[in-house]
Structures are given as structure tokens and as C-alpha cells.
Amino acid sequence: MSQYPNIKRETRYGVPAADQVIYNRHYVLGYSYYFRQAKWALEIVDKDKTAVFRTDNFRPDYRVPDKFRAELKVYENSGFDRGHLVSSANQIETGIQNSETFLLSNMCPQAPDFNRIIWKGLEESIRVLNNKKDIFETYVITGPLFYFDQEVKMLKPPNNKDVTLPIPHAFFKSVLTENNRGTIHMWSFIIPNEKSINSLDTYQVKTSKIEKYAGLFLWEKLVGKKIDAEKNRIRKIWK
């Protein structure tokens, strides 16, 4: 599969670089050996409405080499959530589809007041966008951000000095929609990994800013002046 990434629907508009690209049944992620967590996760938001519920079966991803793999114990009593990049509620067509979102390769350390409030609100808002009649498909790429002019704090489980995991300073989401006329729109966000009571539009940024901060090319299969303009504008939310 890795030799033919375009077989995967969600990679239609490009796949950013990573140490290891991991192909799941319904999403793709790029893993960072250095940070021991994903650099990005790419999905198409599921439009299907089913009775599938959260599986909550958090578990290591044994496709990642042992020396770079996150384990459950690193999160124990840490005060941080195992925060999804690909949201569980976006992948609800089948049980295995939902279960895959609970692989630890799809997790990053997130402050509870961030994960359960503003991050959850952004995920829910994207699902509302996806349910609009004129939206054909909604693509989302999500990842952590580390600011190297700031201290990078670590999760350090008690009595295990060898197991650590860096805590991201912020997270990004870039949302790309294709409507039923083939028109492409983009919205991008950077939100600090902390409690916030601000509205989502406070955190809107140019897609090109995420590329610069994350060191990634986003949606690189799309080219031309219109795409460049789209990457360098801040579009009103879901307009």
C-alpha cells in the first residue's frame, strides 16, 4: 500500500512528509520518531449515520518501532488526555473504523480543558460543515505544533525515567472541502494546548502559516494561483 498512496481516497490532495506513513483502513497518518507521536493525521469525515459507539480501546500501534512507540503507561496519572487527531466521532461507519482511531499513534498529550472543550467544539463544528447538502467531501489534516523558543515539557511516568513524551504547545487543523460544483475551500486553525473560552474564529490562520510552523506542505497536489490565494487568505468560518 505504501508504494501506491493515491489508492487511499483521503490522500487525493497530497500526503505530507513523515518518518513513517501509516495507512489505516479509513485514515492515514505521518509519524514522527523524534517526537514519538504523529506529525499529522489525514482523514475524510464520515457522512454515514450509524449506531456505532466509541470503542474506547486505547492501545499501542505495533507498526511503529518499539524504540519510538508511545505506550499506555506514559499517560497514566499524567494529568493529560490521550487526545485524538482523527476524531472518534468522525469515523462511525463500522466498529473497526472507530476502533482504529484509538490507536496511540493517533494520540497526542492534550490538556483536558483543551481537549474536552474548544478542541471538541472545533470537531463538532466541522461535522456540521460536512453535513451541508452542497458539500461533497470534507478532508481534514490535524497535528501537533512545538515552539522551539519555548520550553518543551514532557510526560514522565513515575518510576520510569526511560518513558517520556513531549507535550505539544498547540495543535493545528486544516479543513478542505470540495462542493458539488468542484469548488475548493480551505479553513485553518492553530489553537494553544490549554483552556480557552474564545470563539473558534479567534484561532483562524492562513493555511500557509501552518505549513511554515509545522514544516509541512499541505494539500500539495493542488496547484495554481487560485490555490495559492486560498492558502493565503482567512475565509470566514464555513463561508
Protein backbone atom coordinates (compact mmCIF):
# COMPACT_ATOMS: atom_id res chain seq x y z
CA MET A 1 0.00 0.00 0.00
CA SER A 2 2.77 2.47 0.88
CA GLN A 3 4.05 2.33 -2.71
CA TYR A 4 0.69 3.48 -4.03
CA PRO A 5 -0.60 6.17 -1.66
CA ASN A 6 -3.14 7.53 -4.14
CA ILE A 7 -5.15 4.34 -3.73
CA LYS A 8 -6.36 5.89 -0.49
CA ARG A 9 -9.20 8.38 -1.06
CA GLU A 10 -8.04 10.71 1.68
CA THR A 11 -4.63 11.17 0.01
CA ARG A 12 -6.18 12.59 -3.15
CA TYR A 13 -4.84 16.10 -2.49
CA GLY A 14 -1.45 15.07 -1.13
CA VAL A 15 0.45 13.36 1.69
CA PRO A 16 2.93 15.41 3.77
CA ALA A 17 6.36 14.06 4.70
CA ALA A 18 6.95 11.95 7.81
CA ASP A 19 9.37 9.40 9.23
CA GLN A 20 6.72 6.71 8.80
CA VAL A 21 3.44 6.97 6.91
CA ILE A 22 0.85 4.62 8.41
CA TYR A 23 -2.11 3.56 6.30
CA ASN A 24 -5.24 2.65 8.25
CA ARG A 25 -8.49 1.45 6.73
CA HIS A 26 -10.10 4.89 6.87
CA TYR A 27 -7.35 7.43 7.58
CA VAL A 28 -3.62 7.98 7.06
CA LEU A 29 -1.10 9.46 9.48
CA GLY A 30 2.50 10.53 9.39
CA TYR A 31 4.51 9.54 12.45
CA SER A 32 7.48 11.37 13.94
CA TYR A 33 10.12 9.14 15.53
CA TYR A 34 11.69 12.19 17.19
CA PHE A 35 8.50 13.31 18.94
CA ARG A 36 7.11 9.76 19.42
CA GLN A 37 3.73 10.85 18.13
CA ALA A 38 2.11 11.75 14.84
CA LYS A 39 3.20 14.83 12.89
CA TRP A 40 -0.16 14.79 11.11
CA ALA A 41 -3.28 12.69 10.55
CA LEU A 42 -5.37 12.92 7.39
CA GLU A 43 -9.00 11.88 7.04
CA ILE A 44 -12.23 12.27 5.13
CA VAL A 45 -15.02 12.97 7.58
CA ASP A 46 -17.61 10.18 7.54
CA LYS A 47 -21.07 11.25 6.38
CA ASP A 48 -22.71 7.94 7.28
CA LYS A 49 -25.02 7.86 10.29
CA THR A 50 -24.88 4.60 12.18
CA ALA A 51 -25.34 3.18 15.65
CA VAL A 52 -21.60 2.64 16.18
CA PHE A 53 -20.44 3.96 19.55
CA ARG A 54 -16.98 4.85 20.86
CA THR A 55 -14.95 1.71 21.37
CA ASP A 56 -12.54 3.37 23.86
CA ASN A 57 -9.99 0.60 23.27
CA PHE A 58 -6.84 2.71 23.56
CA ARG A 59 -3.81 0.62 22.58
CA PRO A 60 -0.28 0.90 21.20
CA ASP A 61 0.34 0.78 17.46
CA TYR A 62 2.76 -2.07 16.91
CA ARG A 63 3.56 -0.92 13.39
CA VAL A 64 5.70 1.79 15.00
CA PRO A 65 9.18 0.55 16.02
CA ASP A 66 9.41 -0.20 19.73
CA LYS A 67 12.04 2.45 20.48
CA PHE A 68 9.80 5.20 19.05
CA ARG A 69 6.39 3.90 20.13
CA ALA A 70 4.07 5.55 22.66
CA GLU A 71 2.70 3.18 25.31
CA LEU A 72 -0.34 3.48 27.55
CA LYS A 73 1.77 3.84 30.70
CA VAL A 74 3.21 7.16 29.56
CA TYR A 75 -0.25 8.74 30.03
CA GLU A 76 -1.01 7.16 33.41
CA ASN A 77 -1.59 9.79 36.13
CA SER A 78 -0.06 12.41 33.85
CA GLY A 79 -2.93 14.90 34.03
CA PHE A 80 -3.12 14.90 30.22
CA ASP A 81 -5.68 13.30 27.93
CA ARG A 82 -4.89 10.87 25.14
CA GLY A 83 -6.14 13.38 22.59
CA HIS A 84 -7.38 12.20 19.21
CA LEU A 85 -6.07 13.72 15.99
CA VAL A 86 -8.63 11.89 13.86
CA SER A 87 -11.78 12.28 15.93
CA SER A 88 -13.56 9.10 17.01
CA ALA A 89 -16.91 10.68 16.13
CA ASN A 90 -15.76 11.30 12.55
CA GLN A 91 -15.29 7.58 11.88
CA ILE A 92 -18.51 5.80 12.75
CA GLU A 93 -19.49 3.60 9.82
CA THR A 94 -18.18 0.37 11.34
CA GLY A 95 -16.80 -0.79 14.67
CA ILE A 96 -13.31 -1.42 13.28
CA GLN A 97 -13.29 2.02 11.68
CA ASN A 98 -14.00 3.65 15.04
CA SER A 99 -11.60 1.32 16.84
CA GLU A 100 -8.69 2.40 14.65
CA THR A 101 -8.96 5.95 15.96
CA PHE A 102 -7.96 4.65 19.41
CA LEU A 103 -4.50 3.54 18.32
CA LEU A 104 -1.95 5.56 20.29
CA SER A 105 -0.31 6.60 17.02
CA ASN A 106 -3.43 8.79 16.61
CA MET A 107 -2.98 10.35 20.07
CA CYS A 108 -1.08 13.31 21.44
CA PRO A 109 -0.96 14.67 25.01
CA GLN A 110 -3.73 17.24 25.32
CA ALA A 111 -4.71 19.35 28.31
CA PRO A 112 -8.16 18.14 29.47
CA ASP A 113 -9.70 21.63 29.36
CA PHE A 114 -8.46 21.98 25.79
CA ASN A 115 -9.42 18.51 24.54
CA ARG A 116 -12.88 18.43 26.08
CA ILE A 117 -13.98 21.98 25.28
CA ILE A 118 -12.57 24.03 22.41
CA TRP A 119 -11.00 21.09 20.53
CA LYS A 120 -14.23 19.10 20.83
CA GLY A 121 -16.14 22.20 19.71
CA LEU A 122 -14.00 22.50 16.58
CA GLU A 123 -14.51 18.83 15.75
CA GLU A 124 -18.28 19.17 16.17
CA SER A 125 -18.34 22.31 14.05
CA ILE A 126 -16.51 20.52 11.22
CA ARG A 127 -19.13 17.77 11.28
CA VAL A 128 -21.86 20.40 10.92
CA LEU A 129 -20.00 21.77 7.88
CA ASN A 130 -19.66 18.27 6.44
CA ASN A 131 -23.42 17.71 6.68
CA LYS A 132 -24.27 20.64 4.42
CA LYS A 133 -26.08 19.50 1.30
CA ASP A 134 -23.65 21.08 -1.14
CA ILE A 135 -20.53 19.55 0.46
CA PHE A 136 -19.29 16.57 -1.50
CA GLU A 137 -16.35 15.68 0.74
CA THR A 138 -14.57 17.19 3.74
CA TYR A 139 -10.87 16.50 4.20
CA VAL A 140 -9.13 17.31 7.49
CA ILE A 141 -5.44 17.23 8.37
CA THR A 142 -4.54 17.64 12.03
CA GLY A 143 -1.30 17.68 14.01
CA PRO A 144 0.70 18.99 16.96
CA LEU A 145 2.91 22.06 16.98
CA PHE A 146 6.06 22.60 19.02
CA TYR A 147 7.53 26.08 19.51
CA PHE A 148 11.27 25.85 19.95
CA ASP A 149 11.58 29.28 21.53
CA GLN A 150 9.54 27.87 24.45
CA GLU A 151 10.26 25.11 26.94
CA VAL A 152 9.04 21.71 25.74
CA LYS A 153 7.59 19.89 28.75
CA MET A 154 7.44 16.12 28.95
CA LEU A 155 5.11 13.44 30.21
CA LYS A 156 7.21 11.36 32.61
CA PRO A 157 5.53 8.39 34.28
CA PRO A 158 6.57 7.81 37.90
CA ASN A 159 9.39 5.30 38.40
CA ASN A 160 10.12 5.03 34.67
CA LYS A 161 12.67 7.59 33.55
CA ASP A 162 13.10 6.00 30.12
CA VAL A 163 9.49 6.60 29.02
CA THR A 164 8.79 10.20 28.06
CA LEU A 165 6.58 12.03 25.60
CA PRO A 166 6.84 15.72 24.64
CA ILE A 167 3.71 17.82 25.17
CA PRO A 168 2.71 19.94 22.14
CA HIS A 169 2.35 23.67 22.68
CA ALA A 170 -0.56 23.85 20.23
CA PHE A 171 -2.50 21.90 17.61
CA PHE A 172 -3.48 22.70 14.06
CA LYS A 173 -6.36 21.67 11.84
CA SER A 174 -6.65 22.43 8.15
CA VAL A 175 -10.05 21.75 6.62
CA LEU A 176 -10.57 21.40 2.88
CA THR A 177 -13.98 20.98 1.31
CA GLU A 178 -14.98 20.13 -2.22
CA ASN A 179 -18.54 21.07 -3.04
CA ASN A 180 -20.85 19.55 -5.62
CA ARG A 181 -19.56 22.00 -8.26
CA GLY A 182 -15.91 21.06 -7.67
CA THR A 183 -15.06 24.29 -5.83
CA ILE A 184 -12.29 24.01 -3.21
CA HIS A 185 -12.41 25.98 0.06
CA MET A 186 -9.95 25.93 2.97
CA TRP A 187 -10.11 26.90 6.63
CA SER A 188 -7.18 26.51 9.03
CA PHE A 189 -6.76 26.84 12.78
CA ILE A 190 -3.97 26.91 15.37
CA ILE A 191 -5.18 26.52 18.96
CA PRO A 192 -2.93 26.53 22.07
CA ASN A 193 -2.93 23.34 24.11
CA GLU A 194 -4.70 24.94 27.08
CA LYS A 195 -8.10 26.01 28.31
CA SER A 196 -9.81 28.62 26.16
CA ILE A 197 -13.14 30.41 26.23
CA ASN A 198 -12.55 32.22 22.94
CA SER A 199 -14.57 31.63 19.80
CA LEU A 200 -13.16 29.41 17.07
CA ASP A 201 -12.65 32.28 14.64
CA THR A 202 -10.09 33.72 17.11
CA TYR A 203 -7.78 30.89 16.11
CA GLN A 204 -8.16 31.02 12.35
CA VAL A 205 -4.90 31.36 10.44
CA LYS A 206 -3.72 31.18 6.86
CA THR A 207 -3.03 27.63 5.72
CA SER A 208 0.41 28.83 4.65
CA LYS A 209 1.15 29.74 8.28
CA ILE A 210 0.56 26.16 9.39
CA GLU A 211 2.91 24.97 6.65
CA LYS A 212 5.60 27.31 7.96
CA TYR A 213 5.12 26.40 11.63
CA ALA A 214 4.73 22.64 11.13
CA GLY A 215 7.31 22.27 8.36
CA LEU A 216 4.79 20.54 6.12
CA PHE A 217 3.35 21.01 2.67
CA LEU A 218 -0.44 20.80 2.95
CA TRP A 219 -2.67 19.81 0.03
CA GLU A 220 0.39 19.90 -2.24
CA LYS A 221 -1.33 18.10 -5.11
CA LEU A 222 -3.42 21.25 -5.60
CA VAL A 223 -1.54 23.89 -7.57
CA GLY A 224 -2.13 27.21 -9.28
CA LYS A 225 -2.87 30.83 -8.45
CA LYS A 226 -6.33 30.12 -7.06
CA ILE A 227 -4.93 27.56 -4.62
CA ASP A 228 -2.10 29.88 -3.60
CA ALA A 229 -4.68 32.59 -2.91
CA GLU A 230 -6.81 30.15 -0.92
CA LYS A 231 -3.82 29.16 1.23
CA ASN A 232 -3.05 32.79 1.95
CA ARG A 233 -6.49 34.01 2.97
CA ILE A 234 -8.56 33.64 6.11
CA ARG A 235 -12.01 32.67 4.97
CA LYS A 236 -14.98 33.37 7.25
CA ILE A 237 -15.89 30.16 9.02
CA TRP A 238 -17.77 27.81 6.72
CA LYS A 239 -18.41 30.52 4.09
